Amino acid sequence: AEDAPPPLTPGEQPDAWLAEPDGAVLAAGLAGAL
């Protein structure tokens, strides 16, 4: 993704949902696209 948002920073808490990418997405390092 060209506009992938940055990860959480200290003090920020997770939202109500958590997504786990498919293993190919993880292997390609594309969590930012998710």
PDB file of all heavy atoms in Angstrom:
ATOM      1  N   ALA A   1       0.843  -1.196   0.000  1.00  0.00           N
ATOM      2  CA  ALA A   1       0.000   0.000   0.000  1.00  0.00           C
ATOM      3  C   ALA A   1       0.879   1.246   0.000  1.00  0.00           C
ATOM      4  O   ALA A   1       1.859   1.329   0.751  1.00  0.00           O
ATOM      5  CB  ALA A   1      -0.905   0.001   1.232  1.00  0.00           C
ATOM      6  N   GLU A   2       0.534   2.210  -0.844  1.00  0.00           N
ATOM      7  CA  GLU A   2       1.303   3.447  -0.886  1.00  0.00           C
ATOM      8  C   GLU A   2       1.049   4.310   0.347  1.00  0.00           C
ATOM      9  O   GLU A   2       1.887   5.124   0.721  1.00  0.00           O
ATOM     10  CB  GLU A   2       0.958   4.226  -2.155  1.00  0.00           C
ATOM     11  CG  GLU A   2       1.367   3.506  -3.440  1.00  0.00           C
ATOM     12  CD  GLU A   2       1.027   4.314  -4.676  1.00  0.00           C
ATOM     13  OE1 GLU A   2       0.459   5.427  -4.503  1.00  0.00           O
ATOM     14  OE2 GLU A   2       1.313   3.852  -5.795  1.00  0.00           O
ATOM     15  N   ASP A   3      -0.121   4.128   0.953  1.00  0.00           N
ATOM     16  CA  ASP A   3      -0.506   4.979   2.082  1.00  0.00           C
ATOM     17  C   ASP A   3      -0.699   4.165   3.356  1.00  0.00           C
ATOM     18  O   ASP A   3      -1.609   4.423   4.142  1.00  0.00           O
ATOM     19  CB  ASP A   3      -1.794   5.733   1.757  1.00  0.00           C
ATOM     20  CG  ASP A   3      -2.931   4.789   1.361  1.00  0.00           C
ATOM     21  OD1 ASP A   3      -2.654   3.591   1.129  1.00  0.00           O
ATOM     22  OD2 ASP A   3      -4.096   5.243   1.292  1.00  0.00           O
ATOM     23  N   ALA A   4       0.169   3.168   3.586  1.00  0.00           N
ATOM     24  CA  ALA A   4       0.032   2.337   4.779  1.00  0.00           C
ATOM     25  C   ALA A   4       0.203   3.181   6.032  1.00  0.00           C
ATOM     26  O   ALA A   4       1.182   3.932   6.154  1.00  0.00           O
ATOM     27  CB  ALA A   4       1.056   1.214   4.760  1.00  0.00           C
ATOM     28  N   PRO A   5      -0.732   3.097   6.985  1.00  0.00           N
ATOM     29  CA  PRO A   5      -0.626   3.881   8.211  1.00  0.00           C
ATOM     30  C   PRO A   5       0.492   3.344   9.096  1.00  0.00           C
ATOM     31  O   PRO A   5       0.857   2.171   9.015  1.00  0.00           O
ATOM     32  CB  PRO A   5      -1.991   3.713   8.870  1.00  0.00           C
ATOM     33  CG  PRO A   5      -2.484   2.394   8.361  1.00  0.00           C
ATOM     34  CD  PRO A   5      -1.955   2.267   6.960  1.00  0.00           C
ATOM     35  N   PRO A   6       1.042   4.171   9.991  1.00  0.00           N
ATOM     36  CA  PRO A   6       2.108   3.704  10.893  1.00  0.00           C
ATOM     37  C   PRO A   6       1.532   2.793  11.964  1.00  0.00           C
ATOM     38  O   PRO A   6       0.336   2.827  12.265  1.00  0.00           O
ATOM     39  CB  PRO A   6       2.640   5.002  11.491  1.00  0.00           C
ATOM     40  CG  PRO A   6       1.469   5.936  11.454  1.00  0.00           C
ATOM     41  CD  PRO A   6       0.714   5.588  10.203  1.00  0.00           C
ATOM     42  N   PRO A   7       2.372   1.957  12.586  1.00  0.00           N
ATOM     43  CA  PRO A   7       1.907   1.120  13.706  1.00  0.00           C
ATOM     44  C   PRO A   7       1.494   1.986  14.892  1.00  0.00           C
ATOM     45  O   PRO A   7       1.735   3.192  14.934  1.00  0.00           O
ATOM     46  CB  PRO A   7       3.131   0.261  14.037  1.00  0.00           C
ATOM     47  CG  PRO A   7       4.022   0.354  12.846  1.00  0.00           C
ATOM     48  CD  PRO A   7       3.775   1.695  12.237  1.00  0.00           C
ATOM     49  N   LEU A   8       0.854   1.341  15.879  1.00  0.00           N
ATOM     50  CA  LEU A   8       0.502   2.038  17.113  1.00  0.00           C
ATOM     51  C   LEU A   8       1.756   2.589  17.783  1.00  0.00           C
ATOM     52  O   LEU A   8       2.842   2.015  17.673  1.00  0.00           O
ATOM     53  CB  LEU A   8      -0.211   1.082  18.078  1.00  0.00           C
ATOM     54  CG  LEU A   8      -1.584   0.536  17.653  1.00  0.00           C
ATOM     55  CD1 LEU A   8      -2.111  -0.407  18.728  1.00  0.00           C
ATOM     56  CD2 LEU A   8      -2.577   1.654  17.388  1.00  0.00           C
ATOM     57  N   THR A   9       1.585   3.686  18.479  1.00  0.00           N
ATOM     58  CA  THR A   9       2.682   4.290  19.229  1.00  0.00           C
ATOM     59  C   THR A   9       2.420   4.118  20.724  1.00  0.00           C
ATOM     60  O   THR A   9       1.284   3.838  21.131  1.00  0.00           O
ATOM     61  CB  THR A   9       2.812   5.787  18.885  1.00  0.00           C
ATOM     62  OG1 THR A   9       1.562   6.440  19.182  1.00  0.00           O
ATOM     63  CG2 THR A   9       3.143   5.974  17.418  1.00  0.00           C
ATOM     64  N   PRO A  10       3.445   4.257  21.575  1.00  0.00           N
ATOM     65  CA  PRO A  10       3.251   4.073  23.020  1.00  0.00           C
ATOM     66  C   PRO A  10       2.104   4.920  23.561  1.00  0.00           C
ATOM     67  O   PRO A  10       1.973   6.102  23.246  1.00  0.00           O
ATOM     68  CB  PRO A  10       4.599   4.511  23.604  1.00  0.00           C
ATOM     69  CG  PRO A  10       5.577   4.186  22.524  1.00  0.00           C
ATOM     70  CD  PRO A  10       4.871   4.493  21.234  1.00  0.00           C
ATOM     71  N   GLY A  11       1.264   4.269  24.353  1.00  0.00           N
ATOM     72  CA  GLY A  11       0.097   4.926  24.917  1.00  0.00           C
ATOM     73  C   GLY A  11      -1.186   4.647  24.164  1.00  0.00           C
ATOM     74  O   GLY A  11      -2.285   4.802  24.707  1.00  0.00           O
ATOM     75  N   GLU A  12      -1.080   4.240  22.900  1.00  0.00           N
ATOM     76  CA  GLU A  12      -2.280   3.913  22.118  1.00  0.00           C
ATOM     77  C   GLU A  12      -2.692   2.466  22.391  1.00  0.00           C
ATOM     78  O   GLU A  12      -1.845   1.585  22.551  1.00  0.00           O
ATOM     79  CB  GLU A  12      -2.025   4.108  20.626  1.00  0.00           C
ATOM     80  CG  GLU A  12      -1.808   5.559  20.226  1.00  0.00           C
ATOM     81  CD  GLU A  12      -1.668   5.709  18.718  1.00  0.00           C
ATOM     82  OE1 GLU A  12      -0.746   5.084  18.149  1.00  0.00           O
ATOM     83  OE2 GLU A  12      -2.461   6.450  18.125  1.00  0.00           O
ATOM     84  N   GLN A  13      -3.990   2.236  22.426  1.00  0.00           N
ATOM     85  CA  GLN A  13      -4.536   0.919  22.698  1.00  0.00           C
ATOM     86  C   GLN A  13      -5.200   0.341  21.455  1.00  0.00           C
ATOM     87  O   GLN A  13      -5.657   1.087  20.575  1.00  0.00           O
ATOM     88  CB  GLN A  13      -5.557   0.993  23.833  1.00  0.00           C
ATOM     89  CG  GLN A  13      -4.948   1.318  25.186  1.00  0.00           C
ATOM     90  CD  GLN A  13      -3.956   0.249  25.622  1.00  0.00           C
ATOM     91  OE1 GLN A  13      -4.245  -0.940  25.628  1.00  0.00           O
ATOM     92  NE2 GLN A  13      -2.741   0.686  25.982  1.00  0.00           N
ATOM     93  N   PRO A  14      -5.276  -0.982  21.355  1.00  0.00           N
ATOM     94  CA  PRO A  14      -5.950  -1.597  20.210  1.00  0.00           C
ATOM     95  C   PRO A  14      -7.423  -1.226  20.161  1.00  0.00           C
ATOM     96  O   PRO A  14      -8.049  -0.943  21.192  1.00  0.00           O
ATOM     97  CB  PRO A  14      -5.765  -3.099  20.444  1.00  0.00           C
ATOM     98  CG  PRO A  14      -4.629  -3.214  21.400  1.00  0.00           C
ATOM     99  CD  PRO A  14      -4.685  -1.990  22.250  1.00  0.00           C
ATOM    100  N   ASP A  15      -7.969  -1.256  18.929  1.00  0.00           N
ATOM    101  CA  ASP A  15      -9.408  -1.088  18.738  1.00  0.00           C
ATOM    102  C   ASP A  15     -10.116  -2.394  19.110  1.00  0.00           C
ATOM    103  O   ASP A  15      -9.506  -3.329  19.630  1.00  0.00           O
ATOM    104  CB  ASP A  15      -9.706  -0.701  17.291  1.00  0.00           C
ATOM    105  CG  ASP A  15      -9.573   0.801  17.068  1.00  0.00           C
ATOM    106  OD1 ASP A  15     -10.118   1.565  17.878  1.00  0.00           O
ATOM    107  OD2 ASP A  15      -8.921   1.196  16.079  1.00  0.00           O
ATOM    108  N   ALA A  16     -11.394  -2.464  18.772  1.00  0.00           N
ATOM    109  CA  ALA A  16     -12.221  -3.595  19.201  1.00  0.00           C
ATOM    110  C   ALA A  16     -11.946  -4.880  18.419  1.00  0.00           C
ATOM    111  O   ALA A  16     -12.381  -5.952  18.842  1.00  0.00           O
ATOM    112  CB  ALA A  16     -13.701  -3.219  19.071  1.00  0.00           C
ATOM    113  N   TRP A  17     -11.238  -4.772  17.307  1.00  0.00           N
ATOM    114  CA  TRP A  17     -11.027  -5.950  16.471  1.00  0.00           C
ATOM    115  C   TRP A  17      -9.552  -6.116  16.138  1.00  0.00           C
ATOM    116  O   TRP A  17      -8.805  -5.135  16.023  1.00  0.00           O
ATOM    117  CB  TRP A  17     -11.844  -5.842  15.176  1.00  0.00           C
ATOM    118  CG  TRP A  17     -13.315  -5.934  15.423  1.00  0.00           C
ATOM    119  CD1 TRP A  17     -14.165  -4.902  15.738  1.00  0.00           C
ATOM    120  CD2 TRP A  17     -14.101  -7.117  15.413  1.00  0.00           C
ATOM    121  NE1 TRP A  17     -15.435  -5.378  15.920  1.00  0.00           N
ATOM    122  CE2 TRP A  17     -15.440  -6.731  15.722  1.00  0.00           C
ATOM    123  CE3 TRP A  17     -13.831  -8.468  15.173  1.00  0.00           C
ATOM    124  CZ2 TRP A  17     -16.478  -7.638  15.796  1.00  0.00           C
ATOM    125  CZ3 TRP A  17     -14.869  -9.379  15.233  1.00  0.00           C
ATOM    126  CH2 TRP A  17     -16.165  -8.976  15.542  1.00  0.00           C
ATOM    127  N   LEU A  18      -9.165  -7.380  15.947  1.00  0.00           N
ATOM    128  CA  LEU A  18      -7.797  -7.727  15.578  1.00  0.00           C
ATOM    129  C   LEU A  18      -7.848  -8.598  14.330  1.00  0.00           C
ATOM    130  O   LEU A  18      -8.630  -9.554  14.270  1.00  0.00           O
ATOM    131  CB  LEU A  18      -7.123  -8.489  16.717  1.00  0.00           C
ATOM    132  CG  LEU A  18      -5.592  -8.624  16.664  1.00  0.00           C
ATOM    133  CD1 LEU A  18      -4.946  -7.261  16.840  1.00  0.00           C
ATOM    134  CD2 LEU A  18      -5.122  -9.596  17.744  1.00  0.00           C
ATOM    135  N   ALA A  19      -7.034  -8.264  13.340  1.00  0.00           N
ATOM    136  CA  ALA A  19      -6.985  -9.029  12.091  1.00  0.00           C
ATOM    137  C   ALA A  19      -5.627  -9.703  11.952  1.00  0.00           C
ATOM    138  O   ALA A  19      -4.588  -9.081  12.194  1.00  0.00           O
ATOM    139  CB  ALA A  19      -7.240  -8.116  10.896  1.00  0.00           C
ATOM    140  N   GLU A  20      -5.655 -10.957  11.568  1.00  0.00           N
ATOM    141  CA  GLU A  20      -4.436 -11.720  11.299  1.00  0.00           C
ATOM    142  C   GLU A  20      -4.369 -11.991   9.800  1.00  0.00           C
ATOM    143  O   GLU A  20      -5.241 -12.676   9.256  1.00  0.00           O
ATOM    144  CB  GLU A  20      -4.453 -13.044  12.066  1.00  0.00           C
ATOM    145  CG  GLU A  20      -3.223 -13.895  11.832  1.00  0.00           C
ATOM    146  CD  GLU A  20      -3.307 -15.222  12.566  1.00  0.00           C
ATOM    147  OE1 GLU A  20      -4.410 -15.800  12.635  1.00  0.00           O
ATOM    148  OE2 GLU A  20      -2.276 -15.670  13.082  1.00  0.00           O
ATOM    149  N   PRO A  21      -3.363 -11.480   9.096  1.00  0.00           N
ATOM    150  CA  PRO A  21      -3.292 -11.699   7.649  1.00  0.00           C
ATOM    151  C   PRO A  21      -3.008 -13.158   7.306  1.00  0.00           C
ATOM    152  O   PRO A  21      -2.470 -13.915   8.110  1.00  0.00           O
ATOM    153  CB  PRO A  21      -2.126 -10.805   7.205  1.00  0.00           C
ATOM    154  CG  PRO A  21      -1.807  -9.929   8.363  1.00  0.00           C
ATOM    155  CD  PRO A  21      -2.270 -10.653   9.592  1.00  0.00           C
ATOM    156  N   ASP A  22      -3.380 -13.525   6.100  1.00  0.00           N
ATOM    157  CA  ASP A  22      -2.983 -14.819   5.556  1.00  0.00           C
ATOM    158  C   ASP A  22      -1.464 -14.946   5.619  1.00  0.00           C
ATOM    159  O   ASP A  22      -0.728 -13.952   5.540  1.00  0.00           O
ATOM    160  CB  ASP A  22      -3.461 -14.921   4.108  1.00  0.00           C
ATOM    161  CG  ASP A  22      -3.066 -16.222   3.451  1.00  0.00           C
ATOM    162  OD1 ASP A  22      -3.832 -17.196   3.564  1.00  0.00           O
ATOM    163  OD2 ASP A  22      -1.983 -16.270   2.833  1.00  0.00           O
ATOM    164  N   GLY A  23      -0.977 -16.181   5.738  1.00  0.00           N
ATOM    165  CA  GLY A  23       0.446 -16.409   5.878  1.00  0.00           C
ATOM    166  C   GLY A  23       1.281 -15.866   4.742  1.00  0.00           C
ATOM    167  O   GLY A  23       2.424 -15.438   4.942  1.00  0.00           O
ATOM    168  N   ALA A  24       0.750 -15.845   3.518  1.00  0.00           N
ATOM    169  CA  ALA A  24       1.501 -15.291   2.396  1.00  0.00           C
ATOM    170  C   ALA A  24       1.683 -13.791   2.552  1.00  0.00           C
ATOM    171  O   ALA A  24       2.726 -13.236   2.196  1.00  0.00           O
ATOM    172  CB  ALA A  24       0.787 -15.604   1.084  1.00  0.00           C
ATOM    173  N   VAL A  25       0.666 -13.119   3.089  1.00  0.00           N
ATOM    174  CA  VAL A  25       0.760 -11.678   3.335  1.00  0.00           C
ATOM    175  C   VAL A  25       1.807 -11.402   4.404  1.00  0.00           C
ATOM    176  O   VAL A  25       2.612 -10.471   4.288  1.00  0.00           O
ATOM    177  CB  VAL A  25      -0.617 -11.117   3.733  1.00  0.00           C
ATOM    178  CG1 VAL A  25      -0.542  -9.628   4.026  1.00  0.00           C
ATOM    179  CG2 VAL A  25      -1.646 -11.379   2.634  1.00  0.00           C
ATOM    180  N   LEU A  26       1.823 -12.227   5.442  1.00  0.00           N
ATOM    181  CA  LEU A  26       2.838 -12.087   6.481  1.00  0.00           C
ATOM    182  C   LEU A  26       4.238 -12.336   5.921  1.00  0.00           C
ATOM    183  O   LEU A  26       5.175 -11.581   6.201  1.00  0.00           O
ATOM    184  CB  LEU A  26       2.553 -13.057   7.621  1.00  0.00           C
ATOM    185  CG  LEU A  26       1.373 -12.721   8.538  1.00  0.00           C
ATOM    186  CD1 LEU A  26       1.079 -13.899   9.462  1.00  0.00           C
ATOM    187  CD2 LEU A  26       1.661 -11.472   9.356  1.00  0.00           C
ATOM    188  N   ALA A  27       4.383 -13.392   5.125  1.00  0.00           N
ATOM    189  CA  ALA A  27       5.696 -13.726   4.577  1.00  0.00           C
ATOM    190  C   ALA A  27       6.217 -12.619   3.669  1.00  0.00           C
ATOM    191  O   ALA A  27       7.424 -12.370   3.610  1.00  0.00           O
ATOM    192  CB  ALA A  27       5.629 -15.051   3.818  1.00  0.00           C
ATOM    193  N   ALA A  28       5.308 -11.958   2.960  1.00  0.00           N
ATOM    194  CA  ALA A  28       5.697 -10.877   2.067  1.00  0.00           C
ATOM    195  C   ALA A  28       5.901  -9.554   2.795  1.00  0.00           C
ATOM    196  O   ALA A  28       6.299  -8.558   2.178  1.00  0.00           O
ATOM    197  CB  ALA A  28       4.635 -10.701   0.976  1.00  0.00           C
ATOM    198  N   GLY A  29       5.618  -9.527   4.103  1.00  0.00           N
ATOM    199  CA  GLY A  29       5.784  -8.302   4.871  1.00  0.00           C
ATOM    200  C   GLY A  29       4.780  -7.227   4.516  1.00  0.00           C
ATOM    201  O   GLY A  29       5.097  -6.034   4.527  1.00  0.00           O
ATOM    202  N   LEU A  30       3.540  -7.630   4.235  1.00  0.00           N
ATOM    203  CA  LEU A  30       2.532  -6.695   3.741  1.00  0.00           C
ATOM    204  C   LEU A  30       1.410  -6.442   4.740  1.00  0.00           C
ATOM    205  O   LEU A  30       0.273  -6.162   4.346  1.00  0.00           O
ATOM    206  CB  LEU A  30       1.951  -7.220   2.421  1.00  0.00           C
ATOM    207  CG  LEU A  30       2.949  -7.306   1.261  1.00  0.00           C
ATOM    208  CD1 LEU A  30       2.283  -7.874   0.016  1.00  0.00           C
ATOM    209  CD2 LEU A  30       3.563  -5.941   0.978  1.00  0.00           C
ATOM    210  N   ALA A  31       1.722  -6.501   6.039  1.00  0.00           N
ATOM    211  CA  ALA A  31       0.698  -6.156   7.026  1.00  0.00           C
ATOM    212  C   ALA A  31       0.219  -4.724   6.833  1.00  0.00           C
ATOM    213  O   ALA A  31      -0.930  -4.398   7.128  1.00  0.00           O
ATOM    214  CB  ALA A  31       1.238  -6.356   8.435  1.00  0.00           C
ATOM    215  N   GLY A  32       1.092  -3.863   6.324  1.00  0.00           N
ATOM    216  CA  GLY A  32       0.689  -2.485   6.061  1.00  0.00           C
ATOM    217  C   GLY A  32      -0.420  -2.389   5.042  1.00  0.00           C
ATOM    218  O   GLY A  32      -1.280  -1.497   5.122  1.00  0.00           O
ATOM    219  N   ALA A  33      -0.432  -3.302   4.065  1.00  0.00           N
ATOM    220  CA  ALA A  33      -1.508  -3.309   3.080  1.00  0.00           C
ATOM    221  C   ALA A  33      -2.836  -3.670   3.737  1.00  0.00           C
ATOM    222  O   ALA A  33      -3.890  -3.117   3.390  1.00  0.00           O
ATOM    223  CB  ALA A  33      -1.185  -4.293   1.958  1.00  0.00           C
ATOM    224  N   LEU A  34      -2.794  -4.604   4.702  1.00  0.00           N
ATOM    225  CA  LEU A  34      -4.012  -4.944   5.438  1.00  0.00           C
ATOM    226  C   LEU A  34      -4.473  -3.749   6.260  1.00  0.00           C
ATOM    227  O   LEU A  34      -5.669  -3.411   6.271  1.00  0.00           O
ATOM    228  CB  LEU A  34      -3.763  -6.147   6.340  1.00  0.00           C
ATOM    229  CG  LEU A  34      -4.906  -6.547   7.266  1.00  0.00           C
ATOM    230  CD1 LEU A  34      -6.157  -6.916   6.470  1.00  0.00           C
ATOM    231  CD2 LEU A  34      -4.491  -7.706   8.171  1.00  0.00           C
TER     232      LEU A  34
END
